[in-house]
Amino acid sequence: MNALKGLLILVCLVCLAFGSDVQQQTHGWRGIVPLHSTRRDVERLLGVGKGLCRCEYTLEDGNVSFQYSGKPCAEVRERGWRVPRDTVISISFYPKINSRFSELAIDKAKYEKKADPEIEGAFSYFNEADGILIEVDGDRVSGFYYTATKRDENLRCPLKKQRIRQP
């Protein structure tokens, strides 16, 4: 009976831990918000990570990585962001215990569902307005990704015109 009680308490704690991450999704991951938080904010929360442009951390409840901005718009070839160097661009969180997508405390109507073309039964759910993508295999969540929100599109670097070489 004590083992069952202990297991029940553990399940409740895991649900609370994941619930708090999911409920904070509209505010990034644990208060870190892409295009608004910096490397300094991340390091204040988690310490110094491994890597320069992409820092990774191993936590009790999962693995998380942060991608940071580098060169400003004028110095990059692909389309980047008009934010200072070392600003968080994206966050990837891979939980160690894969909760059920059907049990997440989110408004699923705000998410667009897309099937993975290579893995049968795998889907991604994307909320463009809040910049959240959730990867699901069957009903199990395998990853949370936090990106720019729809409101932050004004921070995107302008498209560069391709120069056409004259013969």
C-alpha atoms as a PDB file:
ATOM      1  CA  MET A   1       0.000   0.000   0.000  1.00  0.00           C
ATOM      2  CA  ASN A   2       2.853   2.418   0.841  1.00  0.00           C
ATOM      3  CA  ALA A   3       4.472   1.711  -2.552  1.00  0.00           C
ATOM      4  CA  LEU A   4       1.196   2.538  -4.317  1.00  0.00           C
ATOM      5  CA  LYS A   5       0.833   5.743  -2.299  1.00  0.00           C
ATOM      6  CA  GLY A   6       4.422   6.725  -3.150  1.00  0.00           C
ATOM      7  CA  LEU A   7       3.830   6.053  -6.848  1.00  0.00           C
ATOM      8  CA  LEU A   8       0.682   8.177  -6.779  1.00  0.00           C
ATOM      9  CA  ILE A   9       2.586  11.065  -5.174  1.00  0.00           C
ATOM     10  CA  LEU A  10       5.356  10.756  -7.786  1.00  0.00           C
ATOM     11  CA  VAL A  11       2.809  10.832 -10.649  1.00  0.00           C
ATOM     12  CA  CYS A  12       1.179  13.950  -9.154  1.00  0.00           C
ATOM     13  CA  LEU A  13       4.541  15.703  -8.840  1.00  0.00           C
ATOM     14  CA  VAL A  14       5.430  14.888 -12.460  1.00  0.00           C
ATOM     15  CA  CYS A  15       2.047  16.202 -13.620  1.00  0.00           C
ATOM     16  CA  LEU A  16       2.562  19.419 -11.671  1.00  0.00           C
ATOM     17  CA  ALA A  17       6.056  19.849 -13.109  1.00  0.00           C
ATOM     18  CA  PHE A  18       4.902  19.354 -16.689  1.00  0.00           C
ATOM     19  CA  GLY A  19       1.727  21.316 -16.113  1.00  0.00           C
ATOM     20  CA  SER A  20       3.690  24.359 -15.016  1.00  0.00           C
ATOM     21  CA  ASP A  21       5.873  24.209 -18.171  1.00  0.00           C
ATOM     22  CA  VAL A  22       2.849  23.836 -20.411  1.00  0.00           C
ATOM     23  CA  GLN A  23       0.897  26.617 -18.719  1.00  0.00           C
ATOM     24  CA  GLN A  24       3.871  28.961 -19.101  1.00  0.00           C
ATOM     25  CA  GLN A  25       4.126  28.247 -22.823  1.00  0.00           C
ATOM     26  CA  THR A  26       2.626  31.575 -23.784  1.00  0.00           C
ATOM     27  CA  HIS A  27       5.510  33.122 -21.830  1.00  0.00           C
ATOM     28  CA  GLY A  28       8.304  30.919 -23.198  1.00  0.00           C
ATOM     29  CA  TRP A  29      10.004  28.172 -21.229  1.00  0.00           C
ATOM     30  CA  ARG A  30      10.353  28.878 -17.491  1.00  0.00           C
ATOM     31  CA  GLY A  31      10.325  32.617 -18.127  1.00  0.00           C
ATOM     32  CA  ILE A  32      12.862  32.515 -20.989  1.00  0.00           C
ATOM     33  CA  VAL A  33      11.184  34.022 -24.068  1.00  0.00           C
ATOM     34  CA  PRO A  34      12.637  33.774 -27.602  1.00  0.00           C
ATOM     35  CA  LEU A  35      13.711  37.157 -29.037  1.00  0.00           C
ATOM     36  CA  HIS A  36      13.265  38.838 -25.637  1.00  0.00           C
ATOM     37  CA  SER A  37      15.547  36.915 -23.256  1.00  0.00           C
ATOM     38  CA  THR A  38      19.330  36.792 -23.400  1.00  0.00           C
ATOM     39  CA  ARG A  39      22.144  34.354 -22.696  1.00  0.00           C
ATOM     40  CA  ARG A  40      22.602  36.200 -19.391  1.00  0.00           C
ATOM     41  CA  ASP A  41      18.953  35.406 -18.448  1.00  0.00           C
ATOM     42  CA  VAL A  42      19.497  31.721 -19.243  1.00  0.00           C
ATOM     43  CA  GLU A  43      22.770  31.571 -17.322  1.00  0.00           C
ATOM     44  CA  ARG A  44      21.142  33.254 -14.327  1.00  0.00           C
ATOM     45  CA  LEU A  45      18.532  30.460 -14.327  1.00  0.00           C
ATOM     46  CA  LEU A  46      20.693  27.447 -15.287  1.00  0.00           C
ATOM     47  CA  GLY A  47      24.368  28.430 -15.136  1.00  0.00           C
ATOM     48  CA  VAL A  48      26.828  28.410 -18.040  1.00  0.00           C
ATOM     49  CA  GLY A  49      25.876  25.889 -20.740  1.00  0.00           C
ATOM     50  CA  LYS A  50      27.854  23.787 -23.181  1.00  0.00           C
ATOM     51  CA  GLY A  51      28.317  25.418 -26.593  1.00  0.00           C
ATOM     52  CA  LEU A  52      28.444  28.913 -28.086  1.00  0.00           C
ATOM     53  CA  CYS A  53      25.559  29.442 -30.524  1.00  0.00           C
ATOM     54  CA  ARG A  54      23.576  26.531 -29.098  1.00  0.00           C
ATOM     55  CA  CYS A  55      23.863  25.825 -25.363  1.00  0.00           C
ATOM     56  CA  GLU A  56      22.618  22.584 -23.868  1.00  0.00           C
ATOM     57  CA  TYR A  57      21.637  21.640 -20.334  1.00  0.00           C
ATOM     58  CA  THR A  58      20.777  18.307 -18.733  1.00  0.00           C
ATOM     59  CA  LEU A  59      18.098  18.804 -16.076  1.00  0.00           C
ATOM     60  CA  GLU A  60      16.270  16.443 -13.733  1.00  0.00           C
ATOM     61  CA  ASP A  61      13.083  16.573 -15.808  1.00  0.00           C
ATOM     62  CA  GLY A  62      14.612  16.713 -19.294  1.00  0.00           C
ATOM     63  CA  ASN A  63      17.166  18.207 -21.649  1.00  0.00           C
ATOM     64  CA  VAL A  64      16.921  21.766 -22.887  1.00  0.00           C
ATOM     65  CA  SER A  65      18.891  23.708 -25.470  1.00  0.00           C
ATOM     66  CA  PHE A  66      18.923  27.370 -26.396  1.00  0.00           C
ATOM     67  CA  GLN A  67      19.944  28.830 -29.731  1.00  0.00           C
ATOM     68  CA  TYR A  68      21.367  32.350 -29.588  1.00  0.00           C
ATOM     69  CA  SER A  69      21.584  35.104 -32.178  1.00  0.00           C
ATOM     70  CA  GLY A  70      24.901  35.818 -33.780  1.00  0.00           C
ATOM     71  CA  LYS A  71      25.660  38.408 -36.412  1.00  0.00           C
ATOM     72  CA  PRO A  72      23.272  41.281 -37.121  1.00  0.00           C
ATOM     73  CA  CYS A  73      21.019  41.320 -40.201  1.00  0.00           C
ATOM     74  CA  ALA A  74      23.518  43.031 -42.509  1.00  0.00           C
ATOM     75  CA  GLU A  75      26.100  40.292 -41.891  1.00  0.00           C
ATOM     76  CA  VAL A  76      24.048  37.120 -42.419  1.00  0.00           C
ATOM     77  CA  ARG A  77      23.120  35.344 -45.625  1.00  0.00           C
ATOM     78  CA  GLU A  78      19.928  33.706 -44.454  1.00  0.00           C
ATOM     79  CA  ARG A  79      17.031  35.552 -42.933  1.00  0.00           C
ATOM     80  CA  GLY A  80      17.747  36.209 -39.262  1.00  0.00           C
ATOM     81  CA  TRP A  81      16.477  38.473 -36.507  1.00  0.00           C
ATOM     82  CA  ARG A  82      17.057  42.131 -35.662  1.00  0.00           C
ATOM     83  CA  VAL A  83      18.062  41.463 -32.064  1.00  0.00           C
ATOM     84  CA  PRO A  84      21.335  41.942 -30.181  1.00  0.00           C
ATOM     85  CA  ARG A  85      23.978  39.195 -30.209  1.00  0.00           C
ATOM     86  CA  ASP A  86      23.330  36.440 -27.603  1.00  0.00           C
ATOM     87  CA  THR A  87      19.568  36.895 -27.631  1.00  0.00           C
ATOM     88  CA  VAL A  88      17.641  33.616 -27.332  1.00  0.00           C
ATOM     89  CA  ILE A  89      16.216  32.708 -30.763  1.00  0.00           C
ATOM     90  CA  SER A  90      14.704  29.303 -29.985  1.00  0.00           C
ATOM     91  CA  ILE A  91      14.358  26.800 -27.159  1.00  0.00           C
ATOM     92  CA  SER A  92      14.059  23.002 -27.413  1.00  0.00           C
ATOM     93  CA  PHE A  93      12.932  20.970 -24.397  1.00  0.00           C
ATOM     94  CA  TYR A  94      12.899  17.161 -24.400  1.00  0.00           C
ATOM     95  CA  PRO A  95      11.163  15.775 -21.301  1.00  0.00           C
ATOM     96  CA  LYS A  96      12.577  12.619 -19.695  1.00  0.00           C
ATOM     97  CA  ILE A  97       9.045  11.419 -18.939  1.00  0.00           C
ATOM     98  CA  ASN A  98       6.829  11.745 -21.986  1.00  0.00           C
ATOM     99  CA  SER A  99       3.441  13.033 -20.849  1.00  0.00           C
ATOM    100  CA  ARG A 100       0.290  12.428 -22.865  1.00  0.00           C
ATOM    101  CA  PHE A 101      -0.640  15.151 -25.350  1.00  0.00           C
ATOM    102  CA  SER A 102      -4.326  14.509 -24.633  1.00  0.00           C
ATOM    103  CA  GLU A 103      -3.730  15.426 -20.972  1.00  0.00           C
ATOM    104  CA  LEU A 104      -1.840  18.701 -21.516  1.00  0.00           C
ATOM    105  CA  ALA A 105      -3.590  21.730 -20.030  1.00  0.00           C
ATOM    106  CA  ILE A 106      -3.586  23.741 -23.274  1.00  0.00           C
ATOM    107  CA  ASP A 107      -6.187  25.016 -25.719  1.00  0.00           C
ATOM    108  CA  LYS A 108      -5.645  22.465 -28.496  1.00  0.00           C
ATOM    109  CA  ALA A 109      -7.876  24.476 -30.839  1.00  0.00           C
ATOM    110  CA  LYS A 110      -5.024  27.010 -31.101  1.00  0.00           C
ATOM    111  CA  TYR A 111      -2.675  24.373 -32.568  1.00  0.00           C
ATOM    112  CA  GLU A 112      -2.377  23.277 -36.191  1.00  0.00           C
ATOM    113  CA  LYS A 113      -1.756  19.536 -36.463  1.00  0.00           C
ATOM    114  CA  LYS A 114       0.621  18.170 -39.117  1.00  0.00           C
ATOM    115  CA  ALA A 115       1.561  14.551 -39.678  1.00  0.00           C
ATOM    116  CA  ASP A 116       5.249  13.659 -39.831  1.00  0.00           C
ATOM    117  CA  PRO A 117       5.798  12.474 -43.425  1.00  0.00           C
ATOM    118  CA  GLU A 118       8.485   9.994 -42.341  1.00  0.00           C
ATOM    119  CA  ILE A 119       7.191   8.553 -39.052  1.00  0.00           C
ATOM    120  CA  GLU A 120       3.770   6.942 -38.944  1.00  0.00           C
ATOM    121  CA  GLY A 121       1.781   8.074 -35.914  1.00  0.00           C
ATOM    122  CA  ALA A 122       4.022  11.087 -35.231  1.00  0.00           C
ATOM    123  CA  PHE A 123       2.612  14.601 -35.389  1.00  0.00           C
ATOM    124  CA  SER A 124       3.585  18.169 -34.683  1.00  0.00           C
ATOM    125  CA  TYR A 125       1.180  20.687 -33.231  1.00  0.00           C
ATOM    126  CA  PHE A 126       2.086  24.311 -33.918  1.00  0.00           C
ATOM    127  CA  ASN A 127       0.644  27.410 -32.310  1.00  0.00           C
ATOM    128  CA  GLU A 128       1.939  30.185 -34.560  1.00  0.00           C
ATOM    129  CA  ALA A 129       0.505  32.999 -32.461  1.00  0.00           C
ATOM    130  CA  ASP A 130       2.450  31.893 -29.361  1.00  0.00           C
ATOM    131  CA  GLY A 131       5.456  30.355 -31.170  1.00  0.00           C
ATOM    132  CA  ILE A 132       5.062  26.870 -29.672  1.00  0.00           C
ATOM    133  CA  LEU A 133       5.518  23.552 -31.438  1.00  0.00           C
ATOM    134  CA  ILE A 134       4.831  20.260 -29.668  1.00  0.00           C
ATOM    135  CA  GLU A 135       6.106  16.987 -31.140  1.00  0.00           C
ATOM    136  CA  VAL A 136       3.966  13.958 -30.403  1.00  0.00           C
ATOM    137  CA  ASP A 137       4.470  10.262 -31.134  1.00  0.00           C
ATOM    138  CA  GLY A 138       1.103   8.550 -30.767  1.00  0.00           C
ATOM    139  CA  ASP A 139      -0.186  10.437 -27.728  1.00  0.00           C
ATOM    140  CA  ARG A 140       3.222  10.847 -26.041  1.00  0.00           C
ATOM    141  CA  VAL A 141       4.940  14.239 -26.095  1.00  0.00           C
ATOM    142  CA  SER A 142       8.545  13.923 -27.228  1.00  0.00           C
ATOM    143  CA  GLY A 143       9.503  17.599 -27.395  1.00  0.00           C
ATOM    144  CA  PHE A 144       8.483  21.219 -26.888  1.00  0.00           C
ATOM    145  CA  TYR A 145       9.936  23.949 -29.121  1.00  0.00           C
ATOM    146  CA  TYR A 146       9.608  27.649 -28.419  1.00  0.00           C
ATOM    147  CA  THR A 147      10.190  30.113 -31.260  1.00  0.00           C
ATOM    148  CA  ALA A 148       9.264  33.652 -32.237  1.00  0.00           C
ATOM    149  CA  THR A 149       5.618  34.557 -31.859  1.00  0.00           C
ATOM    150  CA  LYS A 150       3.459  36.024 -34.588  1.00  0.00           C
ATOM    151  CA  ARG A 151       3.766  39.388 -32.773  1.00  0.00           C
ATOM    152  CA  ASP A 152       7.561  39.278 -33.186  1.00  0.00           C
ATOM    153  CA  GLU A 153       7.623  39.080 -36.989  1.00  0.00           C
ATOM    154  CA  ASN A 154       8.573  42.775 -37.044  1.00  0.00           C
ATOM    155  CA  LEU A 155      11.963  41.712 -35.619  1.00  0.00           C
ATOM    156  CA  ARG A 156      12.794  39.546 -38.630  1.00  0.00           C
ATOM    157  CA  CYS A 157      15.578  40.769 -40.925  1.00  0.00           C
ATOM    158  CA  PRO A 158      14.396  41.904 -44.341  1.00  0.00           C
ATOM    159  CA  LEU A 159      14.845  39.499 -47.239  1.00  0.00           C
ATOM    160  CA  LYS A 160      18.014  40.124 -49.188  1.00  0.00           C
ATOM    161  CA  LYS A 161      17.719  40.463 -52.930  1.00  0.00           C
ATOM    162  CA  GLN A 162      19.762  37.939 -54.869  1.00  0.00           C
ATOM    163  CA  ARG A 163      22.352  39.487 -57.141  1.00  0.00           C
ATOM    164  CA  ILE A 164      22.204  38.067 -60.633  1.00  0.00           C
ATOM    165  CA  ARG A 165      25.561  37.800 -62.341  1.00  0.00           C
ATOM    166  CA  GLN A 166      25.658  39.205 -65.828  1.00  0.00           C
ATOM    167  CA  PRO A 167      27.557  37.093 -68.393  1.00  0.00           C
END
